[in-house]
Amino acid sequence: MKVLIVDDHEITRISLNRLVSQVIAASDILEAGDASEAQRLAAANPDIRLILLDLILPDGNALDRLRAIRESCPDSLVVVVSMVEDRKTILHAIDVGASGYIPKTMSRDDMIKALQAVLAGEVYLPRTLLTIQDGAKPKAVPTASLGVLTLRQQEVLALVAQGKTNAQIAQALGMTDATVRLHVSGILKRLGLNNRTQAALYAAKAYSGN
């Protein structure tokens, strides 16, 4: 598997190189220190499968080049690895084609799990995004997009978006784990989603108004 690491700090590139080596058997790991070099390497290597991309680069915001990079490597999975952790930036990165967003503040073990999730076909989102309102009581969301759900399903979805497990949701709402699983399955079907991660992202956007 061919991998491209894009970061303007050499030490960070070395660390990510080692991290990638723990997750996959990469046949070739390419490195770029700015967005222009990343775009050039992507154009010259359309078989790149995984791209780890910092946001703030010497020649601008990497997200401005992300679409062009994806066009050069249509089969690539792009994971943003950045110190920036605000909700708007994370959602924008996913909207323009990133398959995951890993804060640089995460532990090495959590980064490995995040990369494994992306390589398994999931969209990885940091827990900060999946927390709608810490400690807030779940409630229905008065938006047209979620209007296809029952009130109970909206309550379950609110807790899914907070990163709660089925057991935690069951305890919070006074139901069994099996009932929670049925609700989650119904939510995915009604919203046309494939997995729990997509449901969390969908809910995060709905709650944030984006």
C-alpha atoms as a PDB file:
ATOM      1  CA  MET A   1       0.000   0.000   0.000  1.00  0.00           C
ATOM      2  CA  LYS A   2       1.310   3.438  -0.939  1.00  0.00           C
ATOM      3  CA  VAL A   3       0.954   6.197   1.684  1.00  0.00           C
ATOM      4  CA  LEU A   4       1.458   9.968   1.533  1.00  0.00           C
ATOM      5  CA  ILE A   5       2.253  11.930   4.718  1.00  0.00           C
ATOM      6  CA  VAL A   6       1.832  15.711   4.469  1.00  0.00           C
ATOM      7  CA  ASP A   7       3.170  17.850   7.319  1.00  0.00           C
ATOM      8  CA  ASP A   8       5.613  20.750   7.442  1.00  0.00           C
ATOM      9  CA  HIS A   9       7.400  19.403  10.528  1.00  0.00           C
ATOM     10  CA  GLU A  10       9.948  16.667   9.853  1.00  0.00           C
ATOM     11  CA  ILE A  11       9.663  15.204  13.358  1.00  0.00           C
ATOM     12  CA  THR A  12       5.915  14.845  12.924  1.00  0.00           C
ATOM     13  CA  ARG A  13       6.393  13.143   9.557  1.00  0.00           C
ATOM     14  CA  ILE A  14       8.841  10.692  11.150  1.00  0.00           C
ATOM     15  CA  SER A  15       6.371   9.932  13.960  1.00  0.00           C
ATOM     16  CA  LEU A  16       3.500   9.393  11.519  1.00  0.00           C
ATOM     17  CA  ASN A  17       5.725   7.211   9.365  1.00  0.00           C
ATOM     18  CA  ARG A  18       6.366   4.944  12.343  1.00  0.00           C
ATOM     19  CA  LEU A  19       2.687   5.008  13.265  1.00  0.00           C
ATOM     20  CA  VAL A  20       1.628   3.936   9.789  1.00  0.00           C
ATOM     21  CA  SER A  21       4.148   1.097   9.858  1.00  0.00           C
ATOM     22  CA  GLN A  22       2.415  -0.285  12.963  1.00  0.00           C
ATOM     23  CA  VAL A  23      -0.968  -0.297  11.251  1.00  0.00           C
ATOM     24  CA  ILE A  24      -0.312  -1.487   7.705  1.00  0.00           C
ATOM     25  CA  ALA A  25       2.411  -3.016   5.578  1.00  0.00           C
ATOM     26  CA  ALA A  26       3.103   0.051   3.466  1.00  0.00           C
ATOM     27  CA  SER A  27       5.061  -0.668   0.299  1.00  0.00           C
ATOM     28  CA  ASP A  28       6.033   2.968  -0.137  1.00  0.00           C
ATOM     29  CA  ILE A  29       5.648   5.976   2.165  1.00  0.00           C
ATOM     30  CA  LEU A  30       5.955   9.370   0.469  1.00  0.00           C
ATOM     31  CA  GLU A  31       6.380  12.649   2.359  1.00  0.00           C
ATOM     32  CA  ALA A  32       5.536  16.274   1.563  1.00  0.00           C
ATOM     33  CA  GLY A  33       6.201  19.429   3.558  1.00  0.00           C
ATOM     34  CA  ASP A  34       3.570  21.636   1.932  1.00  0.00           C
ATOM     35  CA  ALA A  35       0.323  21.466  -0.040  1.00  0.00           C
ATOM     36  CA  SER A  36       1.944  22.103  -3.428  1.00  0.00           C
ATOM     37  CA  GLU A  37       4.340  19.197  -2.999  1.00  0.00           C
ATOM     38  CA  ALA A  38       1.475  17.012  -1.786  1.00  0.00           C
ATOM     39  CA  GLN A  39      -0.559  17.844  -4.879  1.00  0.00           C
ATOM     40  CA  ARG A  40       2.441  17.111  -7.132  1.00  0.00           C
ATOM     41  CA  LEU A  41       3.097  13.747  -5.485  1.00  0.00           C
ATOM     42  CA  ALA A  42      -0.586  12.837  -5.663  1.00  0.00           C
ATOM     43  CA  ALA A  43      -0.672  13.602  -9.395  1.00  0.00           C
ATOM     44  CA  ALA A  44       2.453  11.483  -9.959  1.00  0.00           C
ATOM     45  CA  ASN A  45       1.201   8.595  -7.794  1.00  0.00           C
ATOM     46  CA  PRO A  46      -2.501   7.948  -8.483  1.00  0.00           C
ATOM     47  CA  ASP A  47      -2.208   4.600  -6.662  1.00  0.00           C
ATOM     48  CA  ILE A  48      -1.748   6.274  -3.270  1.00  0.00           C
ATOM     49  CA  ARG A  49      -4.174   4.556  -0.923  1.00  0.00           C
ATOM     50  CA  LEU A  50      -3.827   6.542   2.313  1.00  0.00           C
ATOM     51  CA  ILE A  51      -3.052  10.246   2.826  1.00  0.00           C
ATOM     52  CA  LEU A  52      -2.324  11.728   6.261  1.00  0.00           C
ATOM     53  CA  LEU A  53      -2.800  15.465   5.893  1.00  0.00           C
ATOM     54  CA  ASP A  54      -1.976  18.329   8.235  1.00  0.00           C
ATOM     55  CA  LEU A  55      -4.234  21.367   7.824  1.00  0.00           C
ATOM     56  CA  ILE A  56      -1.984  24.359   8.366  1.00  0.00           C
ATOM     57  CA  LEU A  57       0.855  24.253   5.828  1.00  0.00           C
ATOM     58  CA  PRO A  58       3.397  26.891   4.721  1.00  0.00           C
ATOM     59  CA  ASP A  59       1.529  27.525   1.459  1.00  0.00           C
ATOM     60  CA  GLY A  60      -1.990  27.640   2.852  1.00  0.00           C
ATOM     61  CA  ASN A  61      -4.848  25.562   4.209  1.00  0.00           C
ATOM     62  CA  ALA A  62      -4.599  21.979   2.981  1.00  0.00           C
ATOM     63  CA  LEU A  63      -8.383  21.666   2.693  1.00  0.00           C
ATOM     64  CA  ASP A  64      -8.250  24.102  -0.238  1.00  0.00           C
ATOM     65  CA  ARG A  65      -6.220  21.470  -2.131  1.00  0.00           C
ATOM     66  CA  LEU A  66      -8.042  18.394  -0.871  1.00  0.00           C
ATOM     67  CA  ARG A  67     -10.460  18.077  -3.792  1.00  0.00           C
ATOM     68  CA  ALA A  68      -7.598  18.306  -6.304  1.00  0.00           C
ATOM     69  CA  ILE A  69      -5.613  15.708  -4.393  1.00  0.00           C
ATOM     70  CA  ARG A  70      -8.620  13.379  -4.289  1.00  0.00           C
ATOM     71  CA  GLU A  71      -9.114  13.812  -8.035  1.00  0.00           C
ATOM     72  CA  SER A  72      -5.516  12.660  -8.611  1.00  0.00           C
ATOM     73  CA  CYS A  73      -5.934   9.716  -6.230  1.00  0.00           C
ATOM     74  CA  PRO A  74      -9.635   8.784  -6.465  1.00  0.00           C
ATOM     75  CA  ASP A  75      -9.215   5.592  -4.443  1.00  0.00           C
ATOM     76  CA  SER A  76      -7.312   7.228  -1.596  1.00  0.00           C
ATOM     77  CA  LEU A  77      -8.484   7.570   1.986  1.00  0.00           C
ATOM     78  CA  VAL A  78      -7.633  11.010   3.382  1.00  0.00           C
ATOM     79  CA  VAL A  79      -7.204  11.442   7.124  1.00  0.00           C
ATOM     80  CA  VAL A  80      -6.625  14.916   8.530  1.00  0.00           C
ATOM     81  CA  VAL A  81      -4.101  14.951  11.396  1.00  0.00           C
ATOM     82  CA  SER A  82      -4.144  18.383  12.992  1.00  0.00           C
ATOM     83  CA  MET A  83      -3.930  20.502  16.143  1.00  0.00           C
ATOM     84  CA  VAL A  84      -7.130  22.267  15.029  1.00  0.00           C
ATOM     85  CA  GLU A  85     -10.126  20.731  16.798  1.00  0.00           C
ATOM     86  CA  ASP A  86     -13.067  23.087  16.287  1.00  0.00           C
ATOM     87  CA  ARG A  87     -16.374  21.593  15.099  1.00  0.00           C
ATOM     88  CA  LYS A  88     -16.692  23.768  11.976  1.00  0.00           C
ATOM     89  CA  THR A  89     -13.268  22.762  10.625  1.00  0.00           C
ATOM     90  CA  ILE A  90     -13.822  19.070  11.332  1.00  0.00           C
ATOM     91  CA  LEU A  91     -17.188  19.027   9.560  1.00  0.00           C
ATOM     92  CA  HIS A  92     -15.757  20.969   6.613  1.00  0.00           C
ATOM     93  CA  ALA A  93     -12.924  18.459   6.259  1.00  0.00           C
ATOM     94  CA  ILE A  94     -15.405  15.579   6.089  1.00  0.00           C
ATOM     95  CA  ASP A  95     -17.593  17.502   3.636  1.00  0.00           C
ATOM     96  CA  VAL A  96     -14.732  18.033   1.183  1.00  0.00           C
ATOM     97  CA  GLY A  97     -13.677  14.403   1.188  1.00  0.00           C
ATOM     98  CA  ALA A  98     -11.724  13.425   4.311  1.00  0.00           C
ATOM     99  CA  SER A  99     -12.465   9.963   5.683  1.00  0.00           C
ATOM    100  CA  GLY A 100     -11.304  10.810   9.176  1.00  0.00           C
ATOM    101  CA  TYR A 101     -10.070  13.553  11.463  1.00  0.00           C
ATOM    102  CA  ILE A 102      -7.407  12.807  14.072  1.00  0.00           C
ATOM    103  CA  PRO A 103      -6.377  15.504  16.574  1.00  0.00           C
ATOM    104  CA  LYS A 104      -2.639  15.542  17.242  1.00  0.00           C
ATOM    105  CA  THR A 105      -3.453  15.586  20.953  1.00  0.00           C
ATOM    106  CA  MET A 106      -4.660  11.977  20.772  1.00  0.00           C
ATOM    107  CA  SER A 107      -2.579   9.201  22.256  1.00  0.00           C
ATOM    108  CA  ARG A 108      -0.605   6.927  19.940  1.00  0.00           C
ATOM    109  CA  ASP A 109      -2.858   3.971  20.721  1.00  0.00           C
ATOM    110  CA  ASP A 110      -5.980   5.992  19.901  1.00  0.00           C
ATOM    111  CA  MET A 111      -4.419   7.189  16.652  1.00  0.00           C
ATOM    112  CA  ILE A 112      -3.767   3.585  15.674  1.00  0.00           C
ATOM    113  CA  LYS A 113      -7.387   2.669  16.410  1.00  0.00           C
ATOM    114  CA  ALA A 114      -8.555   5.668  14.377  1.00  0.00           C
ATOM    115  CA  LEU A 115      -6.479   4.651  11.349  1.00  0.00           C
ATOM    116  CA  GLN A 116      -7.685   1.071  11.642  1.00  0.00           C
ATOM    117  CA  ALA A 117     -11.295   2.316  11.650  1.00  0.00           C
ATOM    118  CA  VAL A 118     -10.742   4.380   8.479  1.00  0.00           C
ATOM    119  CA  LEU A 119      -8.986   1.507   6.707  1.00  0.00           C
ATOM    120  CA  ALA A 120     -11.960  -0.697   7.657  1.00  0.00           C
ATOM    121  CA  GLY A 121     -14.268   1.666   5.763  1.00  0.00           C
ATOM    122  CA  GLU A 122     -15.584   3.843   8.581  1.00  0.00           C
ATOM    123  CA  VAL A 123     -15.511   7.608   8.965  1.00  0.00           C
ATOM    124  CA  TYR A 124     -13.501   8.445  12.081  1.00  0.00           C
ATOM    125  CA  LEU A 125     -14.525  11.500  14.106  1.00  0.00           C
ATOM    126  CA  PRO A 126     -12.909  12.781  17.312  1.00  0.00           C
ATOM    127  CA  ARG A 127     -14.914  12.452  20.499  1.00  0.00           C
ATOM    128  CA  THR A 128     -15.014  16.259  20.852  1.00  0.00           C
ATOM    129  CA  LEU A 129     -17.265  16.418  17.791  1.00  0.00           C
ATOM    130  CA  LEU A 130     -19.497  13.605  18.974  1.00  0.00           C
ATOM    131  CA  THR A 131     -20.295  15.449  22.190  1.00  0.00           C
ATOM    132  CA  ILE A 132     -23.293  17.666  21.536  1.00  0.00           C
ATOM    133  CA  GLN A 133     -23.725  19.068  25.015  1.00  0.00           C
ATOM    134  CA  ASP A 134     -21.867  17.456  27.892  1.00  0.00           C
ATOM    135  CA  GLY A 135     -24.312  16.476  30.612  1.00  0.00           C
ATOM    136  CA  ALA A 136     -27.297  17.751  28.668  1.00  0.00           C
ATOM    137  CA  LYS A 137     -30.525  15.794  28.849  1.00  0.00           C
ATOM    138  CA  PRO A 138     -31.295  14.179  25.487  1.00  0.00           C
ATOM    139  CA  LYS A 139     -34.254  15.706  23.716  1.00  0.00           C
ATOM    140  CA  ALA A 140     -35.960  15.694  20.352  1.00  0.00           C
ATOM    141  CA  VAL A 141     -34.452  17.849  17.645  1.00  0.00           C
ATOM    142  CA  PRO A 142     -36.979  20.106  15.895  1.00  0.00           C
ATOM    143  CA  THR A 143     -35.452  19.852  12.420  1.00  0.00           C
ATOM    144  CA  ALA A 144     -37.019  18.615   9.217  1.00  0.00           C
ATOM    145  CA  SER A 145     -34.087  16.291   8.601  1.00  0.00           C
ATOM    146  CA  LEU A 146     -34.728  14.358  11.789  1.00  0.00           C
ATOM    147  CA  GLY A 147     -38.495  14.569  11.537  1.00  0.00           C
ATOM    148  CA  VAL A 148     -38.613  11.100   9.984  1.00  0.00           C
ATOM    149  CA  LEU A 149     -37.567   9.660  13.352  1.00  0.00           C
ATOM    150  CA  THR A 150     -39.844   8.966  16.291  1.00  0.00           C
ATOM    151  CA  LEU A 151     -39.251  10.997  19.443  1.00  0.00           C
ATOM    152  CA  ARG A 152     -37.670   7.955  21.088  1.00  0.00           C
ATOM    153  CA  GLN A 153     -35.352   7.443  18.133  1.00  0.00           C
ATOM    154  CA  GLN A 154     -34.316  11.089  18.333  1.00  0.00           C
ATOM    155  CA  GLU A 155     -33.463  10.619  22.008  1.00  0.00           C
ATOM    156  CA  VAL A 156     -31.357   7.569  21.174  1.00  0.00           C
ATOM    157  CA  LEU A 157     -29.633   9.386  18.308  1.00  0.00           C
ATOM    158  CA  ALA A 158     -28.780  12.307  20.593  1.00  0.00           C
ATOM    159  CA  LEU A 159     -26.910   9.935  22.886  1.00  0.00           C
ATOM    160  CA  VAL A 160     -25.241   8.117  19.994  1.00  0.00           C
ATOM    161  CA  ALA A 161     -23.871  11.504  18.901  1.00  0.00           C
ATOM    162  CA  GLN A 162     -22.502  12.034  22.419  1.00  0.00           C
ATOM    163  CA  GLY A 163     -20.418   8.878  21.955  1.00  0.00           C
ATOM    164  CA  LYS A 164     -22.495   6.770  24.369  1.00  0.00           C
ATOM    165  CA  THR A 165     -22.439   2.976  24.165  1.00  0.00           C
ATOM    166  CA  ASN A 166     -25.635   0.931  23.888  1.00  0.00           C
ATOM    167  CA  ALA A 167     -25.355   0.033  27.570  1.00  0.00           C
ATOM    168  CA  GLN A 168     -25.017   3.695  28.569  1.00  0.00           C
ATOM    169  CA  ILE A 169     -27.974   4.663  26.364  1.00  0.00           C
ATOM    170  CA  ALA A 170     -30.060   1.868  27.859  1.00  0.00           C
ATOM    171  CA  GLN A 171     -29.289   3.087  31.374  1.00  0.00           C
ATOM    172  CA  ALA A 172     -29.998   6.726  30.512  1.00  0.00           C
ATOM    173  CA  LEU A 173     -33.341   6.007  28.861  1.00  0.00           C
ATOM    174  CA  GLY A 174     -34.495   3.093  31.019  1.00  0.00           C
ATOM    175  CA  MET A 175     -34.546   0.377  28.366  1.00  0.00           C
ATOM    176  CA  THR A 176     -32.686  -2.826  27.567  1.00  0.00           C
ATOM    177  CA  ASP A 177     -29.608  -3.124  25.371  1.00  0.00           C
ATOM    178  CA  ALA A 178     -31.647  -5.135  22.879  1.00  0.00           C
ATOM    179  CA  THR A 179     -34.193  -2.330  22.585  1.00  0.00           C
ATOM    180  CA  VAL A 180     -31.428   0.201  22.009  1.00  0.00           C
ATOM    181  CA  ARG A 181     -30.026  -1.966  19.217  1.00  0.00           C
ATOM    182  CA  LEU A 182     -33.452  -2.068  17.593  1.00  0.00           C
ATOM    183  CA  HIS A 183     -33.743   1.712  17.791  1.00  0.00           C
ATOM    184  CA  VAL A 184     -30.260   2.223  16.310  1.00  0.00           C
ATOM    185  CA  SER A 185     -31.109  -0.153  13.473  1.00  0.00           C
ATOM    186  CA  GLY A 186     -34.325   1.758  12.822  1.00  0.00           C
ATOM    187  CA  ILE A 187     -32.480   5.093  12.853  1.00  0.00           C
ATOM    188  CA  LEU A 188     -29.961   3.888  10.266  1.00  0.00           C
ATOM    189  CA  LYS A 189     -32.748   2.573   8.023  1.00  0.00           C
ATOM    190  CA  ARG A 190     -34.858   5.729   8.198  1.00  0.00           C
ATOM    191  CA  LEU A 191     -31.925   8.075   7.598  1.00  0.00           C
ATOM    192  CA  GLY A 192     -30.399   5.904   4.875  1.00  0.00           C
ATOM    193  CA  LEU A 193     -27.109   5.467   6.759  1.00  0.00           C
ATOM    194  CA  ASN A 194     -24.752   2.502   6.904  1.00  0.00           C
ATOM    195  CA  ASN A 195     -23.285   2.579  10.391  1.00  0.00           C
ATOM    196  CA  ARG A 196     -23.181   4.192  13.803  1.00  0.00           C
ATOM    197  CA  THR A 197     -20.352   6.574  12.861  1.00  0.00           C
ATOM    198  CA  GLN A 198     -22.394   8.019  10.006  1.00  0.00           C
ATOM    199  CA  ALA A 199     -25.343   8.443  12.375  1.00  0.00           C
ATOM    200  CA  ALA A 200     -23.155  10.340  14.856  1.00  0.00           C
ATOM    201  CA  LEU A 201     -21.889  12.662  12.115  1.00  0.00           C
ATOM    202  CA  TYR A 202     -25.421  13.210  10.818  1.00  0.00           C
ATOM    203  CA  ALA A 203     -26.653  14.098  14.298  1.00  0.00           C
ATOM    204  CA  ALA A 204     -23.668  16.360  15.016  1.00  0.00           C
ATOM    205  CA  LYS A 205     -24.477  18.399  11.908  1.00  0.00           C
ATOM    206  CA  ALA A 206     -28.170  18.551  12.782  1.00  0.00           C
ATOM    207  CA  TYR A 207     -27.537  19.709  16.333  1.00  0.00           C
ATOM    208  CA  SER A 208     -24.936  22.275  15.287  1.00  0.00           C
ATOM    209  CA  GLY A 209     -27.178  23.666  12.550  1.00  0.00           C
ATOM    210  CA  ASN A 210     -24.647  22.895   9.779  1.00  0.00           C
END
